[in-house]
């Protein structure tokens, strides 16, 4: 078994400022521009049995070793199933609120690992104590989030219509809400 503990004392988890996001990652102390948060977790080979067995985390997996070759991007062989704070960084569509971006660092430490790069959230600007850490997952994710918000709003409208219908108490259905 692998035991993982998150020990970065710069962060804490609290309810997100992002609508419908649940919890988010917040700065427990001020963080300076150009600091970074490593994206830690378990590496799985892309399209392997381990990748298939962790399908439940597909929306949260990170490419572990992205390489750019001219206009082409090679997303590499490994995926990171996040276990630490980086797995709870929320998305913002507002570029002014975005304070981190994913980068890949190549250094002496990571050359000893299975992959060539260290995936990190790079701080684009200073983040004040108590401020939420927010990234931008990419343009494709905006469509997903728009769908989630639209579905949530529609569900609220459906619930109101259902409650109104029950209020008429046809066939004694109003007794269901008492």
Protein backbone atom coordinates (compact mmCIF):
# COMPACT_ATOMS: atom_id res chain seq x y z
CA UNK A 1 0.00 0.00 0.00
CA UNK A 2 1.01 3.59 -0.59
CA UNK A 3 0.47 6.10 2.19
CA UNK A 4 0.12 9.68 0.98
CA UNK A 5 0.03 12.74 3.20
CA UNK A 6 -0.38 16.30 1.98
CA UNK A 7 2.05 18.40 3.99
CA UNK A 8 2.24 21.72 2.14
CA UNK A 9 1.46 24.23 4.89
CA UNK A 10 0.68 27.04 2.43
CA UNK A 11 -2.84 25.77 1.68
CA UNK A 12 -6.17 24.77 3.18
CA UNK A 13 -9.49 23.49 1.87
CA UNK A 14 -12.72 25.48 2.26
CA UNK A 15 -16.01 26.01 0.39
CA UNK A 16 -15.21 27.39 -3.05
CA UNK A 17 -16.14 30.83 -4.30
CA UNK A 18 -16.96 29.19 -7.66
CA UNK A 19 -20.66 28.45 -8.13
CA UNK A 20 -21.44 24.70 -7.83
CA UNK A 21 -17.78 23.79 -7.31
CA UNK A 22 -18.02 22.37 -3.79
CA UNK A 23 -14.71 22.79 -1.99
CA UNK A 24 -11.72 24.69 -3.26
CA UNK A 25 -8.06 25.29 -2.44
CA UNK A 26 -7.17 28.47 -0.56
CA UNK A 27 -3.90 30.15 0.40
CA UNK A 28 -3.28 29.74 4.13
CA UNK A 29 -0.49 32.31 3.82
CA UNK A 30 0.55 34.76 1.09
CA UNK A 31 2.06 33.11 -2.00
CA UNK A 32 4.36 34.97 -4.35
CA UNK A 33 4.24 35.06 -8.13
CA UNK A 34 6.45 32.31 -9.68
CA UNK A 35 6.06 29.91 -6.73
CA UNK A 36 4.49 26.57 -7.61
CA UNK A 37 2.42 23.71 -6.26
CA UNK A 38 3.47 20.26 -7.44
CA UNK A 39 0.75 18.08 -8.92
CA UNK A 40 1.34 14.91 -6.91
CA UNK A 41 -0.34 11.55 -7.16
CA UNK A 42 -0.07 8.11 -8.65
CA UNK A 43 1.33 7.65 -12.16
CA UNK A 44 -0.51 5.30 -14.49
CA UNK A 45 0.41 4.32 -18.03
CA UNK A 46 -2.00 5.86 -20.53
CA UNK A 47 -4.48 3.28 -21.90
CA UNK A 48 -3.22 0.60 -19.48
CA UNK A 49 -5.31 -1.58 -17.20
CA UNK A 50 -4.44 0.81 -14.34
CA UNK A 51 -5.74 3.72 -16.45
CA UNK A 52 -8.95 1.81 -17.13
CA UNK A 53 -9.35 0.91 -13.44
CA UNK A 54 -9.11 4.59 -12.49
CA UNK A 55 -11.66 5.74 -15.05
CA UNK A 56 -13.66 7.30 -12.18
CA UNK A 57 -10.88 9.91 -11.96
CA UNK A 58 -10.60 10.64 -15.70
CA UNK A 59 -11.93 14.19 -15.30
CA UNK A 60 -9.17 14.87 -12.75
CA UNK A 61 -6.15 13.17 -14.33
CA UNK A 62 -3.20 15.27 -15.47
CA UNK A 63 -0.74 14.52 -18.24
CA UNK A 64 2.55 13.85 -16.47
CA UNK A 65 5.04 14.63 -19.21
CA UNK A 66 3.81 17.04 -21.88
CA UNK A 67 6.27 17.93 -24.62
CA UNK A 68 5.86 20.54 -27.33
CA UNK A 69 7.32 19.78 -30.73
CA UNK A 70 6.72 22.81 -32.92
CA UNK A 71 2.94 23.15 -33.31
CA UNK A 72 2.31 19.63 -32.00
CA UNK A 73 1.84 18.62 -28.38
CA UNK A 74 2.85 15.17 -27.15
CA UNK A 75 0.94 14.40 -23.96
CA UNK A 76 3.25 11.53 -23.12
CA UNK A 77 2.92 8.06 -21.72
CA UNK A 78 1.89 8.75 -18.11
CA UNK A 79 -1.13 10.28 -16.37
CA UNK A 80 -1.21 11.54 -12.80
CA UNK A 81 -4.19 10.54 -10.67
CA UNK A 82 -3.99 13.48 -8.22
CA UNK A 83 -3.85 12.84 -4.50
CA UNK A 84 -2.86 16.21 -3.09
CA UNK A 85 -3.96 19.80 -3.05
CA UNK A 86 -3.56 20.20 -6.82
CA UNK A 87 -6.51 17.88 -7.33
CA UNK A 88 -8.87 20.41 -5.76
CA UNK A 89 -7.85 23.55 -7.69
CA UNK A 90 -11.03 24.83 -9.32
CA UNK A 91 -11.60 26.29 -12.78
CA UNK A 92 -12.51 29.88 -13.51
CA UNK A 93 -13.70 31.29 -16.80
CA UNK A 94 -12.65 34.76 -15.65
CA UNK A 95 -9.03 35.17 -16.74
CA UNK A 96 -8.63 38.03 -14.22
CA UNK A 97 -9.36 35.60 -11.35
CA UNK A 98 -7.01 32.92 -12.69
CA UNK A 99 -3.87 32.90 -10.57
CA UNK A 100 -2.24 29.58 -11.60
CA UNK A 101 -1.55 27.64 -14.78
CA UNK A 102 -0.19 24.16 -15.39
CA UNK A 103 3.48 24.04 -16.35
CA UNK A 104 6.04 21.27 -16.67
CA UNK A 105 9.41 21.76 -15.00
CA UNK A 106 12.49 19.78 -15.96
CA UNK A 107 15.10 19.65 -13.19
CA UNK A 108 17.69 17.37 -11.59
CA UNK A 109 15.18 15.92 -9.15
CA UNK A 110 12.67 14.84 -11.78
CA UNK A 111 15.28 13.33 -14.12
CA UNK A 112 15.57 10.51 -11.57
CA UNK A 113 11.84 9.73 -11.80
CA UNK A 114 9.84 7.72 -14.34
CA UNK A 115 8.88 10.84 -16.27
CA UNK A 116 11.00 13.72 -17.50
CA UNK A 117 8.94 16.61 -16.19
CA UNK A 118 7.34 17.72 -12.94
CA UNK A 119 3.76 18.88 -13.45
CA UNK A 120 3.00 21.96 -11.33
CA UNK A 121 0.49 24.71 -10.86
CA UNK A 122 2.60 27.83 -11.49
CA UNK A 123 1.49 31.00 -9.70
CA UNK A 124 0.97 33.75 -12.28
CA UNK A 125 0.60 36.48 -9.66
CA UNK A 126 0.77 37.03 -5.92
CA UNK A 127 -2.05 35.33 -4.00
CA UNK A 128 -3.16 36.81 -0.69
CA UNK A 129 -3.86 34.81 2.45
CA UNK A 130 -7.45 33.52 2.24
CA UNK A 131 -7.64 33.86 -1.56
CA UNK A 132 -8.82 30.87 -3.60
CA UNK A 133 -6.34 29.24 -5.99
CA UNK A 134 -7.99 29.16 -9.43
CA UNK A 135 -6.82 27.77 -12.74
CA UNK A 136 -8.24 27.57 -16.23
CA UNK A 137 -8.75 24.00 -17.46
CA UNK A 138 -8.96 25.03 -21.12
CA UNK A 139 -11.61 26.17 -23.56
CA UNK A 140 -13.20 22.71 -23.86
CA UNK A 141 -14.02 22.70 -20.17
CA UNK A 142 -16.01 25.91 -20.47
CA UNK A 143 -18.61 24.01 -22.55
CA UNK A 144 -18.80 21.32 -19.86
CA UNK A 145 -19.25 23.89 -17.08
CA UNK A 146 -21.84 25.81 -19.07
CA UNK A 147 -23.79 22.56 -19.47
CA UNK A 148 -23.55 21.83 -15.72
CA UNK A 149 -24.81 25.31 -14.81
CA UNK A 150 -27.64 25.12 -17.37
CA UNK A 151 -28.66 21.65 -16.12
CA UNK A 152 -28.57 22.85 -12.50
CA UNK A 153 -30.74 25.86 -13.34
CA UNK A 154 -33.19 23.65 -15.27
CA UNK A 155 -33.40 21.24 -12.34
CA UNK A 156 -34.27 24.13 -10.01
CA UNK A 157 -37.07 25.17 -12.40
CA UNK A 158 -38.33 21.56 -12.61
CA UNK A 159 -38.42 21.30 -8.81
CA UNK A 160 -40.44 24.52 -8.56
CA UNK A 161 -42.88 23.21 -11.19
CA UNK A 162 -43.21 19.90 -9.33
CA UNK A 163 -43.83 21.68 -6.00
CA UNK A 164 -46.48 23.85 -7.68
CA UNK A 165 -48.13 20.73 -9.09
CA UNK A 166 -48.14 19.04 -5.66
CA UNK A 167 -49.67 22.17 -4.16
CA UNK A 168 -52.83 21.54 -6.24
CA UNK A 169 -53.12 18.30 -4.21
CA UNK A 170 -54.61 16.29 -7.07
CA UNK A 171 -55.19 12.69 -6.03
CA UNK A 172 -53.90 13.64 -2.55
CA UNK A 173 -50.34 13.91 -3.89
CA UNK A 174 -49.86 17.01 -1.75
CA UNK A 175 -49.72 14.66 1.23
CA UNK A 176 -46.31 13.58 -0.06
CA UNK A 177 -44.72 16.87 0.97
CA UNK A 178 -46.21 17.06 4.45
